């Protein structure tokens, strides 16, 4: 299991971060992501493999004025 924004969710073996986010209804092109308290660069989402027990925090950008 993986903690995604403090909620436990399942993961697929050898799934990359981009596919994991898409499967959990997040658009990886419009967010920032930390895995185990370390920021993962967006260019690395496809190469970053999620692992059992990881803690993933997703931050979306909000504009306004």
PDB file of N, CA and C in Angstrom:
ATOM      1  N   UNK A   1       0.834  -1.184   0.000  1.00  0.00           N
ATOM      2  CA  UNK A   1       0.000   0.000   0.000  1.00  0.00           C
ATOM      3  C   UNK A   1       0.880   1.249   0.000  1.00  0.00           C
ATOM      4  N   UNK A   2       0.301   2.304  -0.525  1.00  0.00           N
ATOM      5  CA  UNK A   2       0.966   3.602  -0.576  1.00  0.00           C
ATOM      6  C   UNK A   2       0.057   4.616   0.082  1.00  0.00           C
ATOM      7  N   UNK A   3       0.644   5.556   0.795  1.00  0.00           N
ATOM      8  CA  UNK A   3      -0.137   6.668   1.350  1.00  0.00           C
ATOM      9  C   UNK A   3      -0.116   7.794   0.336  1.00  0.00           C
ATOM     10  N   UNK A   4      -1.283   8.151  -0.166  1.00  0.00           N
ATOM     11  CA  UNK A   4      -1.431   9.239  -1.124  1.00  0.00           C
ATOM     12  C   UNK A   4      -2.234  10.329  -0.449  1.00  0.00           C
ATOM     13  N   UNK A   5      -1.570  11.434  -0.105  1.00  0.00           N
ATOM     14  CA  UNK A   5      -2.215  12.519   0.639  1.00  0.00           C
ATOM     15  C   UNK A   5      -2.930  11.971   1.874  1.00  0.00           C
ATOM     16  N   UNK A   6      -2.241  11.128   2.626  1.00  0.00           N
ATOM     17  CA  UNK A   6      -2.710  10.526   3.881  1.00  0.00           C
ATOM     18  C   UNK A   6      -3.847   9.519   3.721  1.00  0.00           C
ATOM     19  N   UNK A   7      -4.099   9.060   2.500  1.00  0.00           N
ATOM     20  CA  UNK A   7      -5.103   8.027   2.261  1.00  0.00           C
ATOM     21  C   UNK A   7      -4.383   6.800   1.687  1.00  0.00           C
ATOM     22  N   UNK A   8      -4.675   5.623   2.219  1.00  0.00           N
ATOM     23  CA  UNK A   8      -4.016   4.420   1.714  1.00  0.00           C
ATOM     24  C   UNK A   8      -4.642   3.984   0.399  1.00  0.00           C
ATOM     25  N   UNK A   9      -3.790   3.771  -0.602  1.00  0.00           N
ATOM     26  CA  UNK A   9      -4.237   3.319  -1.916  1.00  0.00           C
ATOM     27  C   UNK A   9      -3.327   2.184  -2.382  1.00  0.00           C
ATOM     28  N   UNK A  10      -3.839   1.378  -3.288  1.00  0.00           N
ATOM     29  CA  UNK A  10      -3.041   0.270  -3.815  1.00  0.00           C
ATOM     30  C   UNK A  10      -2.114   0.785  -4.915  1.00  0.00           C
ATOM     31  N   UNK A  11      -1.132   0.001  -5.246  1.00  0.00           N
ATOM     32  CA  UNK A  11      -0.222   0.346  -6.330  1.00  0.00           C
ATOM     33  C   UNK A  11       0.030  -0.893  -7.161  1.00  0.00           C
ATOM     34  N   UNK A  12       0.520  -0.698  -8.364  1.00  0.00           N
ATOM     35  CA  UNK A  12       0.863  -1.800  -9.246  1.00  0.00           C
ATOM     36  C   UNK A  12       2.377  -1.962  -9.259  1.00  0.00           C
ATOM     37  N   UNK A  13       2.823  -3.182  -9.248  1.00  0.00           N
ATOM     38  CA  UNK A  13       4.258  -3.471  -9.294  1.00  0.00           C
ATOM     39  C   UNK A  13       4.885  -2.833 -10.529  1.00  0.00           C
ATOM     40  N   UNK A  14       6.015  -2.165 -10.334  1.00  0.00           N
ATOM     41  CA  UNK A  14       6.790  -1.514 -11.402  1.00  0.00           C
ATOM     42  C   UNK A  14       6.031  -0.378 -12.090  1.00  0.00           C
ATOM     43  N   UNK A  15       5.082   0.242 -11.395  1.00  0.00           N
ATOM     44  CA  UNK A  15       4.330   1.365 -11.954  1.00  0.00           C
ATOM     45  C   UNK A  15       5.116   2.662 -11.738  1.00  0.00           C
ATOM     46  N   UNK A  16       5.204   3.471 -12.796  1.00  0.00           N
ATOM     47  CA  UNK A  16       5.918   4.739 -12.614  1.00  0.00           C
ATOM     48  C   UNK A  16       4.990   5.781 -11.997  1.00  0.00           C
ATOM     49  N   UNK A  17       5.576   6.846 -11.517  1.00  0.00           N
ATOM     50  CA  UNK A  17       4.831   7.869 -10.793  1.00  0.00           C
ATOM     51  C   UNK A  17       3.774   8.523 -11.678  1.00  0.00           C
ATOM     52  N   UNK A  18       4.104   8.781 -12.923  1.00  0.00           N
ATOM     53  CA  UNK A  18       3.136   9.405 -13.839  1.00  0.00           C
ATOM     54  C   UNK A  18       1.890   8.532 -13.996  1.00  0.00           C
ATOM     55  N   UNK A  19       2.078   7.250 -14.254  1.00  0.00           N
ATOM     56  CA  UNK A  19       0.933   6.346 -14.426  1.00  0.00           C
ATOM     57  C   UNK A  19       0.150   6.189 -13.125  1.00  0.00           C
ATOM     58  N   UNK A  20       0.856   6.153 -12.007  1.00  0.00           N
ATOM     59  CA  UNK A  20       0.194   6.067 -10.700  1.00  0.00           C
ATOM     60  C   UNK A  20      -0.712   7.273 -10.487  1.00  0.00           C
ATOM     61  N   UNK A  21      -0.210   8.466 -10.786  1.00  0.00           N
ATOM     62  CA  UNK A  21      -1.010   9.677 -10.612  1.00  0.00           C
ATOM     63  C   UNK A  21      -2.224   9.678 -11.532  1.00  0.00           C
ATOM     64  N   UNK A  22      -2.029   9.300 -12.777  1.00  0.00           N
ATOM     65  CA  UNK A  22      -3.147   9.237 -13.720  1.00  0.00           C
ATOM     66  C   UNK A  22      -4.215   8.250 -13.250  1.00  0.00           C
ATOM     67  N   UNK A  23      -3.778   7.099 -12.769  1.00  0.00           N
ATOM     68  CA  UNK A  23      -4.715   6.070 -12.306  1.00  0.00           C
ATOM     69  C   UNK A  23      -5.511   6.539 -11.087  1.00  0.00           C
ATOM     70  N   UNK A  24      -4.948   7.490 -10.349  1.00  0.00           N
ATOM     71  CA  UNK A  24      -5.620   8.020  -9.166  1.00  0.00           C
ATOM     72  C   UNK A  24      -6.257   9.389  -9.432  1.00  0.00           C
ATOM     73  N   UNK A  25      -6.548   9.647 -10.702  1.00  0.00           N
ATOM     74  CA  UNK A  25      -7.299  10.834 -11.144  1.00  0.00           C
ATOM     75  C   UNK A  25      -6.586  12.165 -10.917  1.00  0.00           C
ATOM     76  N   UNK A  26      -5.263  12.165 -11.040  1.00  0.00           N
ATOM     77  CA  UNK A  26      -4.484  13.398 -10.986  1.00  0.00           C
ATOM     78  C   UNK A  26      -3.881  13.638 -12.364  1.00  0.00           C
ATOM     79  N   UNK A  27      -3.828  14.884 -12.778  1.00  0.00           N
ATOM     80  CA  UNK A  27      -3.175  15.237 -14.033  1.00  0.00           C
ATOM     81  C   UNK A  27      -1.728  15.623 -13.724  1.00  0.00           C
ATOM     82  N   UNK A  28      -0.771  14.770 -14.041  1.00  0.00           N
ATOM     83  CA  UNK A  28       0.619  15.019 -13.673  1.00  0.00           C
ATOM     84  C   UNK A  28       1.229  16.263 -14.309  1.00  0.00           C
ATOM     85  N   UNK A  29       0.582  16.808 -15.330  1.00  0.00           N
ATOM     86  CA  UNK A  29       1.125  17.998 -15.982  1.00  0.00           C
ATOM     87  C   UNK A  29       0.850  19.270 -15.186  1.00  0.00           C
ATOM     88  N   UNK A  30      -0.046  19.198 -14.204  1.00  0.00           N
ATOM     89  CA  UNK A  30      -0.452  20.399 -13.483  1.00  0.00           C
ATOM     90  C   UNK A  30      -0.333  20.246 -11.973  1.00  0.00           C
ATOM     91  N   UNK A  31       0.752  19.613 -11.512  1.00  0.00           N
ATOM     92  CA  UNK A  31       0.925  19.449 -10.075  1.00  0.00           C
ATOM     93  C   UNK A  31       2.391  19.257  -9.731  1.00  0.00           C
ATOM     94  N   UNK A  32       2.661  19.358  -8.454  1.00  0.00           N
ATOM     95  CA  UNK A  32       3.981  19.030  -7.911  1.00  0.00           C
ATOM     96  C   UNK A  32       3.796  17.815  -7.014  1.00  0.00           C
ATOM     97  N   UNK A  33       4.845  17.037  -6.848  1.00  0.00           N
ATOM     98  CA  UNK A  33       4.707  15.787  -6.113  1.00  0.00           C
ATOM     99  C   UNK A  33       5.952  15.527  -5.261  1.00  0.00           C
ATOM    100  N   UNK A  34       5.705  15.140  -4.002  1.00  0.00           N
ATOM    101  CA  UNK A  34       6.775  14.705  -3.106  1.00  0.00           C
ATOM    102  C   UNK A  34       6.584  13.225  -2.821  1.00  0.00           C
ATOM    103  N   UNK A  35       7.666  12.493  -2.805  1.00  0.00           N
ATOM    104  CA  UNK A  35       7.642  11.086  -2.408  1.00  0.00           C
ATOM    105  C   UNK A  35       8.595  10.951  -1.232  1.00  0.00           C
ATOM    106  N   UNK A  36       8.060  10.496  -0.117  1.00  0.00           N
ATOM    107  CA  UNK A  36       8.845  10.363   1.110  1.00  0.00           C
ATOM    108  C   UNK A  36       9.583  11.663   1.450  1.00  0.00           C
ATOM    109  N   UNK A  37       8.840  12.761   1.371  1.00  0.00           N
ATOM    110  CA  UNK A  37       9.309  14.109   1.723  1.00  0.00           C
ATOM    111  C   UNK A  37      10.373  14.674   0.790  1.00  0.00           C
ATOM    112  N   UNK A  38      10.558  14.072  -0.391  1.00  0.00           N
ATOM    113  CA  UNK A  38      11.511  14.585  -1.365  1.00  0.00           C
ATOM    114  C   UNK A  38      10.774  14.945  -2.651  1.00  0.00           C
ATOM    115  N   UNK A  39      10.995  16.169  -3.131  1.00  0.00           N
ATOM    116  CA  UNK A  39      10.354  16.624  -4.346  1.00  0.00           C
ATOM    117  C   UNK A  39      10.869  15.823  -5.541  1.00  0.00           C
ATOM    118  N   UNK A  40       9.932  15.341  -6.356  1.00  0.00           N
ATOM    119  CA  UNK A  40      10.291  14.628  -7.584  1.00  0.00           C
ATOM    120  C   UNK A  40      10.044  15.590  -8.744  1.00  0.00           C
ATOM    121  N   UNK A  41      11.056  15.815  -9.542  1.00  0.00           N
ATOM    122  CA  UNK A  41      10.904  16.717 -10.684  1.00  0.00           C
ATOM    123  C   UNK A  41       9.945  16.110 -11.702  1.00  0.00           C
ATOM    124  N   UNK A  42       9.136  16.960 -12.314  1.00  0.00           N
ATOM    125  CA  UNK A  42       8.141  16.506 -13.284  1.00  0.00           C
ATOM    126  C   UNK A  42       8.780  15.707 -14.425  1.00  0.00           C
ATOM    127  N   UNK A  43       9.976  16.096 -14.841  1.00  0.00           N
ATOM    128  CA  UNK A  43      10.657  15.378 -15.926  1.00  0.00           C
ATOM    129  C   UNK A  43      11.047  13.961 -15.512  1.00  0.00           C
ATOM    130  N   UNK A  44      11.036  13.679 -14.202  1.00  0.00           N
ATOM    131  CA  UNK A  44      11.408  12.354 -13.705  1.00  0.00           C
ATOM    132  C   UNK A  44      10.206  11.457 -13.402  1.00  0.00           C
ATOM    133  N   UNK A  45       8.975  11.966 -13.566  1.00  0.00           N
ATOM    134  CA  UNK A  45       7.781  11.190 -13.213  1.00  0.00           C
ATOM    135  C   UNK A  45       7.733   9.840 -13.936  1.00  0.00           C
ATOM    136  N   UNK A  46       8.130   9.801 -15.204  1.00  0.00           N
ATOM    137  CA  UNK A  46       8.039   8.548 -15.966  1.00  0.00           C
ATOM    138  C   UNK A  46       9.115   7.545 -15.568  1.00  0.00           C
ATOM    139  N   UNK A  47      10.213   8.010 -15.029  1.00  0.00           N
ATOM    140  CA  UNK A  47      11.303   7.116 -14.634  1.00  0.00           C
ATOM    141  C   UNK A  47      11.249   6.725 -13.156  1.00  0.00           C
ATOM    142  N   UNK A  48      10.438   7.445 -12.378  1.00  0.00           N
ATOM    143  CA  UNK A  48      10.367   7.199 -10.939  1.00  0.00           C
ATOM    144  C   UNK A  48       9.369   6.072 -10.662  1.00  0.00           C
ATOM    145  N   UNK A  49       9.842   4.952 -10.128  1.00  0.00           N
ATOM    146  CA  UNK A  49       8.999   3.803  -9.835  1.00  0.00           C
ATOM    147  C   UNK A  49       8.495   3.897  -8.391  1.00  0.00           C
ATOM    148  N   UNK A  50       7.167   3.839  -8.230  1.00  0.00           N
ATOM    149  CA  UNK A  50       6.597   3.895  -6.878  1.00  0.00           C
ATOM    150  C   UNK A  50       6.820   2.553  -6.185  1.00  0.00           C
ATOM    151  N   UNK A  51       7.040   2.611  -4.889  1.00  0.00           N
ATOM    152  CA  UNK A  51       7.344   1.414  -4.118  1.00  0.00           C
ATOM    153  C   UNK A  51       6.378   1.262  -2.958  1.00  0.00           C
ATOM    154  N   UNK A  52       6.161   0.042  -2.556  1.00  0.00           N
ATOM    155  CA  UNK A  52       5.284  -0.256  -1.428  1.00  0.00           C
ATOM    156  C   UNK A  52       5.763   0.495  -0.192  1.00  0.00           C
ATOM    157  N   UNK A  53       4.825   1.106   0.502  1.00  0.00           N
ATOM    158  CA  UNK A  53       5.154   1.819   1.724  1.00  0.00           C
ATOM    159  C   UNK A  53       5.526   3.279   1.534  1.00  0.00           C
ATOM    160  N   UNK A  54       5.564   3.743   0.289  1.00  0.00           N
ATOM    161  CA  UNK A  54       5.911   5.138   0.036  1.00  0.00           C
ATOM    162  C   UNK A  54       4.799   6.065   0.502  1.00  0.00           C
ATOM    163  N   UNK A  55       5.189   7.287   0.817  1.00  0.00           N
ATOM    164  CA  UNK A  55       4.231   8.329   1.174  1.00  0.00           C
ATOM    165  C   UNK A  55       4.310   9.404   0.091  1.00  0.00           C
ATOM    166  N   UNK A  56       3.216   9.582  -0.641  1.00  0.00           N
ATOM    167  CA  UNK A  56       3.182  10.519  -1.754  1.00  0.00           C
ATOM    168  C   UNK A  56       2.251  11.677  -1.415  1.00  0.00           C
ATOM    169  N   UNK A  57       2.763  12.884  -1.577  1.00  0.00           N
ATOM    170  CA  UNK A  57       1.969  14.098  -1.370  1.00  0.00           C
ATOM    171  C   UNK A  57       1.851  14.803  -2.706  1.00  0.00           C
ATOM    172  N   UNK A  58       0.630  15.168  -3.075  1.00  0.00           N
ATOM    173  CA  UNK A  58       0.365  15.848  -4.333  1.00  0.00           C
ATOM    174  C   UNK A  58      -0.075  17.272  -4.022  1.00  0.00           C
ATOM    175  N   UNK A  59       0.542  18.221  -4.733  1.00  0.00           N
ATOM    176  CA  UNK A  59       0.212  19.633  -4.561  1.00  0.00           C
ATOM    177  C   UNK A  59      -0.214  20.194  -5.912  1.00  0.00           C
ATOM    178  N   UNK A  60      -1.410  20.764  -5.964  1.00  0.00           N
ATOM    179  CA  UNK A  60      -1.857  21.379  -7.214  1.00  0.00           C
ATOM    180  C   UNK A  60      -1.708  22.886  -7.105  1.00  0.00           C
ATOM    181  N   UNK A  61      -1.561  23.512  -8.243  1.00  0.00           N
ATOM    182  CA  UNK A  61      -1.370  24.955  -8.306  1.00  0.00           C
ATOM    183  C   UNK A  61      -2.721  25.625  -8.500  1.00  0.00           C
ATOM    184  N   UNK A  62      -2.925  26.696  -7.748  1.00  0.00           N
ATOM    185  CA  UNK A  62      -4.182  27.433  -7.832  1.00  0.00           C
ATOM    186  C   UNK A  62      -3.840  28.884  -8.159  1.00  0.00           C
ATOM    187  N   UNK A  63      -4.470  29.388  -9.205  1.00  0.00           N
ATOM    188  CA  UNK A  63      -4.241  30.779  -9.570  1.00  0.00           C
ATOM    189  C   UNK A  63      -5.366  31.654  -9.017  1.00  0.00           C
ATOM    190  N   UNK A  64      -5.144  32.892  -9.040  1.00  0.00           N
ATOM    191  CA  UNK A  64      -6.189  33.801  -8.569  1.00  0.00           C
ATOM    192  C   UNK A  64      -5.631  35.195  -8.381  1.00  0.00           C
ATOM    193  N   UNK A  65      -6.496  36.028  -7.911  1.00  0.00           N
ATOM    194  CA  UNK A  65      -6.016  37.381  -7.761  1.00  0.00           C
ATOM    195  C   UNK A  65      -6.733  38.145  -6.711  1.00  0.00           C
TER     196      UNK A  65
END
